[in-house]
């Protein structure tokens, strides 16, 4: 089950940075999606916070996100 308890961002010292690159159109879509999340929840989401939370959700047992990623990988491999 997904642990919904908030997890604070790691402190800069000791944190491991990860870079994700998007093309300009996809970056705009993601920015708009995060603004939509803000409007829906009243919480101003930081992009890194959203990415950490999505990855955290995907790593949980019985994760629909993980299942979707596995299914996509299997479809791509067949092409």
PDB file of N, CA and C in Angstrom:
ATOM      1  N   UNK A   1       0.852  -1.188   0.000  1.00  0.00           N
ATOM      2  CA  UNK A   1       0.000   0.000   0.000  1.00  0.00           C
ATOM      3  C   UNK A   1       0.887   1.238   0.000  1.00  0.00           C
ATOM      4  N   UNK A   2       0.457   2.244  -0.700  1.00  0.00           N
ATOM      5  CA  UNK A   2       1.203   3.487  -0.827  1.00  0.00           C
ATOM      6  C   UNK A   2       1.160   4.262   0.484  1.00  0.00           C
ATOM      7  N   UNK A   3       2.344   4.629   0.981  1.00  0.00           N
ATOM      8  CA  UNK A   3       2.454   5.422   2.200  1.00  0.00           C
ATOM      9  C   UNK A   3       2.229   6.880   1.835  1.00  0.00           C
ATOM     10  N   UNK A   4       1.096   7.423   2.240  1.00  0.00           N
ATOM     11  CA  UNK A   4       0.740   8.789   1.862  1.00  0.00           C
ATOM     12  C   UNK A   4       1.332   9.850   2.776  1.00  0.00           C
ATOM     13  N   UNK A   5       2.088   9.425   3.776  1.00  0.00           N
ATOM     14  CA  UNK A   5       2.699  10.409   4.669  1.00  0.00           C
ATOM     15  C   UNK A   5       3.658  11.289   3.876  1.00  0.00           C
ATOM     16  N   UNK A   6       3.582  12.599   4.061  1.00  0.00           N
ATOM     17  CA  UNK A   6       4.484  13.477   3.324  1.00  0.00           C
ATOM     18  C   UNK A   6       5.939  13.184   3.661  1.00  0.00           C
ATOM     19  N   UNK A   7       6.761  13.292   2.681  1.00  0.00           N
ATOM     20  CA  UNK A   7       8.193  13.082   2.879  1.00  0.00           C
ATOM     21  C   UNK A   7       8.895  14.351   2.411  1.00  0.00           C
ATOM     22  N   UNK A   8       9.613  15.020   3.303  1.00  0.00           N
ATOM     23  CA  UNK A   8      10.265  16.275   2.906  1.00  0.00           C
ATOM     24  C   UNK A   8      11.379  16.031   1.893  1.00  0.00           C
ATOM     25  N   UNK A   9      11.677  17.054   1.125  1.00  0.00           N
ATOM     26  CA  UNK A   9      12.778  16.984   0.163  1.00  0.00           C
ATOM     27  C   UNK A   9      14.084  16.816   0.928  1.00  0.00           C
ATOM     28  N   UNK A  10      15.013  16.083   0.353  1.00  0.00           N
ATOM     29  CA  UNK A  10      16.305  15.928   1.026  1.00  0.00           C
ATOM     30  C   UNK A  10      17.046  17.260   1.072  1.00  0.00           C
ATOM     31  N   UNK A  11      17.859  17.420   2.091  1.00  0.00           N
ATOM     32  CA  UNK A  11      18.701  18.616   2.193  1.00  0.00           C
ATOM     33  C   UNK A  11      19.718  18.583   1.056  1.00  0.00           C
ATOM     34  N   UNK A  12      20.157  19.729   0.616  1.00  0.00           N
ATOM     35  CA  UNK A  12      21.099  19.809  -0.507  1.00  0.00           C
ATOM     36  C   UNK A  12      22.370  19.008  -0.231  1.00  0.00           C
ATOM     37  N   UNK A  13      22.883  19.129   0.979  1.00  0.00           N
ATOM     38  CA  UNK A  13      24.099  18.388   1.314  1.00  0.00           C
ATOM     39  C   UNK A  13      23.750  16.911   1.454  1.00  0.00           C
ATOM     40  N   UNK A  14      24.413  16.084   0.685  1.00  0.00           N
ATOM     41  CA  UNK A  14      24.174  14.653   0.740  1.00  0.00           C
ATOM     42  C   UNK A  14      23.121  14.162  -0.235  1.00  0.00           C
ATOM     43  N   UNK A  15      22.361  15.073  -0.836  1.00  0.00           N
ATOM     44  CA  UNK A  15      21.348  14.667  -1.814  1.00  0.00           C
ATOM     45  C   UNK A  15      22.020  14.315  -3.134  1.00  0.00           C
ATOM     46  N   UNK A  16      21.429  13.402  -3.859  1.00  0.00           N
ATOM     47  CA  UNK A  16      21.966  12.976  -5.147  1.00  0.00           C
ATOM     48  C   UNK A  16      21.101  13.582  -6.239  1.00  0.00           C
ATOM     49  N   UNK A  17      21.668  14.471  -7.052  1.00  0.00           N
ATOM     50  CA  UNK A  17      20.871  15.095  -8.112  1.00  0.00           C
ATOM     51  C   UNK A  17      20.619  14.132  -9.268  1.00  0.00           C
ATOM     52  N   UNK A  18      19.468  14.274  -9.881  1.00  0.00           N
ATOM     53  CA  UNK A  18      19.108  13.499 -11.065  1.00  0.00           C
ATOM     54  C   UNK A  18      18.541  14.467 -12.088  1.00  0.00           C
ATOM     55  N   UNK A  19      18.999  14.349 -13.313  1.00  0.00           N
ATOM     56  CA  UNK A  19      18.536  15.245 -14.368  1.00  0.00           C
ATOM     57  C   UNK A  19      17.601  14.500 -15.304  1.00  0.00           C
ATOM     58  N   UNK A  20      16.491  15.130 -15.617  1.00  0.00           N
ATOM     59  CA  UNK A  20      15.557  14.608 -16.606  1.00  0.00           C
ATOM     60  C   UNK A  20      15.402  15.692 -17.659  1.00  0.00           C
ATOM     61  N   UNK A  21      15.625  15.346 -18.900  1.00  0.00           N
ATOM     62  CA  UNK A  21      15.532  16.332 -19.982  1.00  0.00           C
ATOM     63  C   UNK A  21      14.245  16.126 -20.780  1.00  0.00           C
ATOM     64  N   UNK A  22      13.584  17.240 -21.088  1.00  0.00           N
ATOM     65  CA  UNK A  22      12.354  17.230 -21.870  1.00  0.00           C
ATOM     66  C   UNK A  22      12.515  18.182 -23.041  1.00  0.00           C
ATOM     67  N   UNK A  23      11.819  17.897 -24.139  1.00  0.00           N
ATOM     68  CA  UNK A  23      11.823  18.877 -25.224  1.00  0.00           C
ATOM     69  C   UNK A  23      10.913  20.035 -24.798  1.00  0.00           C
ATOM     70  N   UNK A  24      11.017  21.188 -25.461  1.00  0.00           N
ATOM     71  CA  UNK A  24      10.263  22.368 -25.009  1.00  0.00           C
ATOM     72  C   UNK A  24       8.752  22.153 -24.911  1.00  0.00           C
ATOM     73  N   UNK A  25       8.164  21.438 -25.870  1.00  0.00           N
ATOM     74  CA  UNK A  25       6.713  21.228 -25.838  1.00  0.00           C
ATOM     75  C   UNK A  25       6.317  20.367 -24.636  1.00  0.00           C
ATOM     76  N   UNK A  26       7.072  19.305 -24.397  1.00  0.00           N
ATOM     77  CA  UNK A  26       6.756  18.438 -23.266  1.00  0.00           C
ATOM     78  C   UNK A  26       6.969  19.174 -21.945  1.00  0.00           C
ATOM     79  N   UNK A  27       7.994  20.000 -21.873  1.00  0.00           N
ATOM     80  CA  UNK A  27       8.245  20.779 -20.657  1.00  0.00           C
ATOM     81  C   UNK A  27       7.070  21.702 -20.355  1.00  0.00           C
ATOM     82  N   UNK A  28       6.518  22.339 -21.395  1.00  0.00           N
ATOM     83  CA  UNK A  28       5.346  23.214 -21.201  1.00  0.00           C
ATOM     84  C   UNK A  28       4.143  22.405 -20.725  1.00  0.00           C
ATOM     85  N   UNK A  29       3.945  21.200 -21.300  1.00  0.00           N
ATOM     86  CA  UNK A  29       2.829  20.348 -20.882  1.00  0.00           C
ATOM     87  C   UNK A  29       2.969  19.962 -19.409  1.00  0.00           C
ATOM     88  N   UNK A  30       4.173  19.610 -19.007  1.00  0.00           N
ATOM     89  CA  UNK A  30       4.411  19.210 -17.614  1.00  0.00           C
ATOM     90  C   UNK A  30       4.197  20.398 -16.685  1.00  0.00           C
ATOM     91  N   UNK A  31       4.700  21.569 -17.074  1.00  0.00           N
ATOM     92  CA  UNK A  31       4.487  22.768 -16.255  1.00  0.00           C
ATOM     93  C   UNK A  31       2.998  23.053 -16.090  1.00  0.00           C
ATOM     94  N   UNK A  32       2.231  22.931 -17.168  1.00  0.00           N
ATOM     95  CA  UNK A  32       0.790  23.175 -17.101  1.00  0.00           C
ATOM     96  C   UNK A  32       0.109  22.134 -16.211  1.00  0.00           C
ATOM     97  N   UNK A  33       0.549  20.886 -16.321  1.00  0.00           N
ATOM     98  CA  UNK A  33      -0.013  19.821 -15.501  1.00  0.00           C
ATOM     99  C   UNK A  33       0.233  20.097 -14.017  1.00  0.00           C
ATOM    100  N   UNK A  34       1.412  20.592 -13.694  1.00  0.00           N
ATOM    101  CA  UNK A  34       1.725  20.903 -12.294  1.00  0.00           C
ATOM    102  C   UNK A  34       0.892  22.085 -11.811  1.00  0.00           C
ATOM    103  N   UNK A  35       0.656  23.066 -12.669  1.00  0.00           N
ATOM    104  CA  UNK A  35      -0.244  24.173 -12.317  1.00  0.00           C
ATOM    105  C   UNK A  35      -1.656  23.629 -12.075  1.00  0.00           C
ATOM    106  N   UNK A  36      -2.095  22.686 -12.920  1.00  0.00           N
ATOM    107  CA  UNK A  36      -3.413  22.070 -12.727  1.00  0.00           C
ATOM    108  C   UNK A  36      -3.494  21.351 -11.380  1.00  0.00           C
ATOM    109  N   UNK A  37      -2.405  20.644 -11.012  1.00  0.00           N
ATOM    110  CA  UNK A  37      -2.373  19.995  -9.695  1.00  0.00           C
ATOM    111  C   UNK A  37      -2.531  21.027  -8.579  1.00  0.00           C
ATOM    112  N   UNK A  38      -1.847  22.147  -8.725  1.00  0.00           N
ATOM    113  CA  UNK A  38      -1.927  23.234  -7.743  1.00  0.00           C
ATOM    114  C   UNK A  38      -3.373  23.720  -7.611  1.00  0.00           C
ATOM    115  N   UNK A  39      -4.021  23.929  -8.765  1.00  0.00           N
ATOM    116  CA  UNK A  39      -5.405  24.408  -8.742  1.00  0.00           C
ATOM    117  C   UNK A  39      -6.349  23.380  -8.125  1.00  0.00           C
ATOM    118  N   UNK A  40      -6.105  22.104  -8.385  1.00  0.00           N
ATOM    119  CA  UNK A  40      -6.976  21.046  -7.856  1.00  0.00           C
ATOM    120  C   UNK A  40      -6.785  20.815  -6.362  1.00  0.00           C
ATOM    121  N   UNK A  41      -5.564  20.998  -5.877  1.00  0.00           N
ATOM    122  CA  UNK A  41      -5.261  20.644  -4.489  1.00  0.00           C
ATOM    123  C   UNK A  41      -5.056  21.836  -3.568  1.00  0.00           C
ATOM    124  N   UNK A  42      -4.780  23.000  -4.145  1.00  0.00           N
ATOM    125  CA  UNK A  42      -4.437  24.154  -3.323  1.00  0.00           C
ATOM    126  C   UNK A  42      -3.008  24.091  -2.808  1.00  0.00           C
ATOM    127  N   UNK A  43      -2.260  23.096  -3.283  1.00  0.00           N
ATOM    128  CA  UNK A  43      -0.866  22.925  -2.870  1.00  0.00           C
ATOM    129  C   UNK A  43       0.029  23.280  -4.034  1.00  0.00           C
ATOM    130  N   UNK A  44       0.968  24.168  -3.788  1.00  0.00           N
ATOM    131  CA  UNK A  44       1.904  24.542  -4.851  1.00  0.00           C
ATOM    132  C   UNK A  44       2.988  23.473  -4.932  1.00  0.00           C
ATOM    133  N   UNK A  45       2.936  22.673  -5.974  1.00  0.00           N
ATOM    134  CA  UNK A  45       3.853  21.558  -6.161  1.00  0.00           C
ATOM    135  C   UNK A  45       5.147  22.023  -6.797  1.00  0.00           C
ATOM    136  N   UNK A  46       6.250  21.568  -6.250  1.00  0.00           N
ATOM    137  CA  UNK A  46       7.556  21.758  -6.854  1.00  0.00           C
ATOM    138  C   UNK A  46       7.754  20.613  -7.849  1.00  0.00           C
ATOM    139  N   UNK A  47       8.337  20.902  -9.006  1.00  0.00           N
ATOM    140  CA  UNK A  47       8.507  19.878 -10.039  1.00  0.00           C
ATOM    141  C   UNK A  47       9.278  18.669  -9.504  1.00  0.00           C
ATOM    142  N   UNK A  48      10.330  18.903  -8.751  1.00  0.00           N
ATOM    143  CA  UNK A  48      11.109  17.801  -8.194  1.00  0.00           C
ATOM    144  C   UNK A  48      10.265  16.988  -7.208  1.00  0.00           C
ATOM    145  N   UNK A  49       9.434  17.667  -6.445  1.00  0.00           N
ATOM    146  CA  UNK A  49       8.564  16.983  -5.492  1.00  0.00           C
ATOM    147  C   UNK A  49       7.587  16.056  -6.221  1.00  0.00           C
ATOM    148  N   UNK A  50       7.039  16.529  -7.322  1.00  0.00           N
ATOM    149  CA  UNK A  50       6.119  15.712  -8.116  1.00  0.00           C
ATOM    150  C   UNK A  50       6.840  14.480  -8.659  1.00  0.00           C
ATOM    151  N   UNK A  51       8.046  14.665  -9.192  1.00  0.00           N
ATOM    152  CA  UNK A  51       8.808  13.539  -9.735  1.00  0.00           C
ATOM    153  C   UNK A  51       9.148  12.525  -8.646  1.00  0.00           C
ATOM    154  N   UNK A  52       9.594  13.012  -7.489  1.00  0.00           N
ATOM    155  CA  UNK A  52       9.910  12.104  -6.379  1.00  0.00           C
ATOM    156  C   UNK A  52       8.673  11.319  -5.953  1.00  0.00           C
ATOM    157  N   UNK A  53       7.546  12.004  -5.870  1.00  0.00           N
ATOM    158  CA  UNK A  53       6.311  11.361  -5.421  1.00  0.00           C
ATOM    159  C   UNK A  53       5.827  10.323  -6.438  1.00  0.00           C
ATOM    160  N   UNK A  54       5.909  10.637  -7.720  1.00  0.00           N
ATOM    161  CA  UNK A  54       5.508   9.665  -8.754  1.00  0.00           C
ATOM    162  C   UNK A  54       6.391   8.418  -8.706  1.00  0.00           C
ATOM    163  N   UNK A  55       7.691   8.611  -8.553  1.00  0.00           N
ATOM    164  CA  UNK A  55       8.604   7.470  -8.472  1.00  0.00           C
ATOM    165  C   UNK A  55       8.351   6.662  -7.203  1.00  0.00           C
ATOM    166  N   UNK A  56       8.060   7.348  -6.135  1.00  0.00           N
ATOM    167  CA  UNK A  56       7.752   6.668  -4.873  1.00  0.00           C
ATOM    168  C   UNK A  56       6.487   5.823  -5.015  1.00  0.00           C
ATOM    169  N   UNK A  57       5.473   6.375  -5.676  1.00  0.00           N
ATOM    170  CA  UNK A  57       4.229   5.649  -5.898  1.00  0.00           C
ATOM    171  C   UNK A  57       4.453   4.431  -6.797  1.00  0.00           C
ATOM    172  N   UNK A  58       5.299   4.584  -7.797  1.00  0.00           N
ATOM    173  CA  UNK A  58       5.559   3.485  -8.737  1.00  0.00           C
ATOM    174  C   UNK A  58       6.317   2.337  -8.069  1.00  0.00           C
ATOM    175  N   UNK A  59       7.044   2.612  -7.007  1.00  0.00           N
ATOM    176  CA  UNK A  59       7.836   1.580  -6.333  1.00  0.00           C
ATOM    177  C   UNK A  59       7.050   0.793  -5.297  1.00  0.00           C
ATOM    178  N   UNK A  60       5.810   1.144  -5.059  1.00  0.00           N
ATOM    179  CA  UNK A  60       5.036   0.458  -4.034  1.00  0.00           C
ATOM    180  C   UNK A  60       4.494  -0.864  -4.572  1.00  0.00           C
ATOM    181  N   UNK A  61       4.270  -1.830  -3.677  1.00  0.00           N
ATOM    182  CA  UNK A  61       3.678  -3.097  -4.124  1.00  0.00           C
ATOM    183  C   UNK A  61       2.301  -2.851  -4.747  1.00  0.00           C
ATOM    184  N   UNK A  62       1.969  -3.641  -5.724  1.00  0.00           N
ATOM    185  CA  UNK A  62       0.677  -3.541  -6.427  1.00  0.00           C
ATOM    186  C   UNK A  62       0.470  -2.165  -7.054  1.00  0.00           C
ATOM    187  N   UNK A  63       1.543  -1.576  -7.536  1.00  0.00           N
ATOM    188  CA  UNK A  63       1.457  -0.244  -8.113  1.00  0.00           C
ATOM    189  C   UNK A  63       0.914  -0.281  -9.538  1.00  0.00           C
ATOM    190  N   UNK A  64      -0.137   0.467  -9.783  1.00  0.00           N
ATOM    191  CA  UNK A  64      -0.687   0.586 -11.135  1.00  0.00           C
ATOM    192  C   UNK A  64       0.339   1.256 -12.039  1.00  0.00           C
ATOM    193  N   UNK A  65       1.089   2.229 -11.517  1.00  0.00           N
ATOM    194  CA  UNK A  65       2.119   2.898 -12.316  1.00  0.00           C
ATOM    195  C   UNK A  65       3.189   1.912 -12.768  1.00  0.00           C
ATOM    196  N   UNK A  66       3.646   1.070 -11.869  1.00  0.00           N
ATOM    197  CA  UNK A  66       4.669   0.084 -12.217  1.00  0.00           C
ATOM    198  C   UNK A  66       4.119  -0.898 -13.243  1.00  0.00           C
ATOM    199  N   UNK A  67       2.892  -1.355 -13.041  1.00  0.00           N
ATOM    200  CA  UNK A  67       2.271  -2.273 -13.997  1.00  0.00           C
ATOM    201  C   UNK A  67       2.183  -1.644 -15.383  1.00  0.00           C
ATOM    202  N   UNK A  68       1.830  -0.360 -15.437  1.00  0.00           N
ATOM    203  CA  UNK A  68       1.728   0.335 -16.719  1.00  0.00           C
ATOM    204  C   UNK A  68       3.094   0.460 -17.389  1.00  0.00           C
ATOM    205  N   UNK A  69       4.135   0.744 -16.616  1.00  0.00           N
ATOM    206  CA  UNK A  69       5.483   0.838 -17.173  1.00  0.00           C
ATOM    207  C   UNK A  69       5.953  -0.506 -17.721  1.00  0.00           C
ATOM    208  N   UNK A  70       5.684  -1.575 -16.995  1.00  0.00           N
ATOM    209  CA  UNK A  70       6.063  -2.911 -17.448  1.00  0.00           C
ATOM    210  C   UNK A  70       5.319  -3.259 -18.739  1.00  0.00           C
ATOM    211  N   UNK A  71       4.027  -2.983 -18.784  1.00  0.00           N
ATOM    212  CA  UNK A  71       3.241  -3.273 -19.983  1.00  0.00           C
ATOM    213  C   UNK A  71       3.753  -2.476 -21.180  1.00  0.00           C
ATOM    214  N   UNK A  72       4.089  -1.222 -20.956  1.00  0.00           N
ATOM    215  CA  UNK A  72       4.622  -0.396 -22.048  1.00  0.00           C
ATOM    216  C   UNK A  72       5.957  -0.941 -22.526  1.00  0.00           C
ATOM    217  N   UNK A  73       6.816  -1.322 -21.607  1.00  0.00           N
ATOM    218  CA  UNK A  73       8.123  -1.874 -21.990  1.00  0.00           C
ATOM    219  C   UNK A  73       7.947  -3.137 -22.829  1.00  0.00           C
ATOM    220  N   UNK A  74       6.998  -3.969 -22.467  1.00  0.00           N
ATOM    221  CA  UNK A  74       6.753  -5.197 -23.225  1.00  0.00           C
ATOM    222  C   UNK A  74       6.238  -4.881 -24.635  1.00  0.00           C
ATOM    223  N   UNK A  75       5.377  -3.867 -24.754  1.00  0.00           N
ATOM    224  CA  UNK A  75       4.856  -3.476 -26.088  1.00  0.00           C
ATOM    225  C   UNK A  75       5.989  -2.931 -26.947  1.00  0.00           C
ATOM    226  N   UNK A  76       6.838  -2.083 -26.377  1.00  0.00           N
ATOM    227  CA  UNK A  76       7.927  -1.460 -27.119  1.00  0.00           C
ATOM    228  C   UNK A  76       8.919  -2.530 -27.581  1.00  0.00           C
ATOM    229  N   UNK A  77       9.207  -3.484 -26.736  1.00  0.00           N
ATOM    230  CA  UNK A  77      10.157  -4.537 -27.068  1.00  0.00           C
ATOM    231  C   UNK A  77       9.661  -5.372 -28.243  1.00  0.00           C
ATOM    232  N   UNK A  78       8.345  -5.541 -28.387  1.00  0.00           N
ATOM    233  CA  UNK A  78       7.784  -6.331 -29.475  1.00  0.00           C
ATOM    234  C   UNK A  78       7.855  -5.622 -30.812  1.00  0.00           C
ATOM    235  N   UNK A  79       7.997  -4.309 -30.817  1.00  0.00           N
ATOM    236  CA  UNK A  79       7.998  -3.547 -32.075  1.00  0.00           C
ATOM    237  C   UNK A  79       9.229  -3.779 -32.893  1.00  0.00           C
TER     238      UNK A  79
END
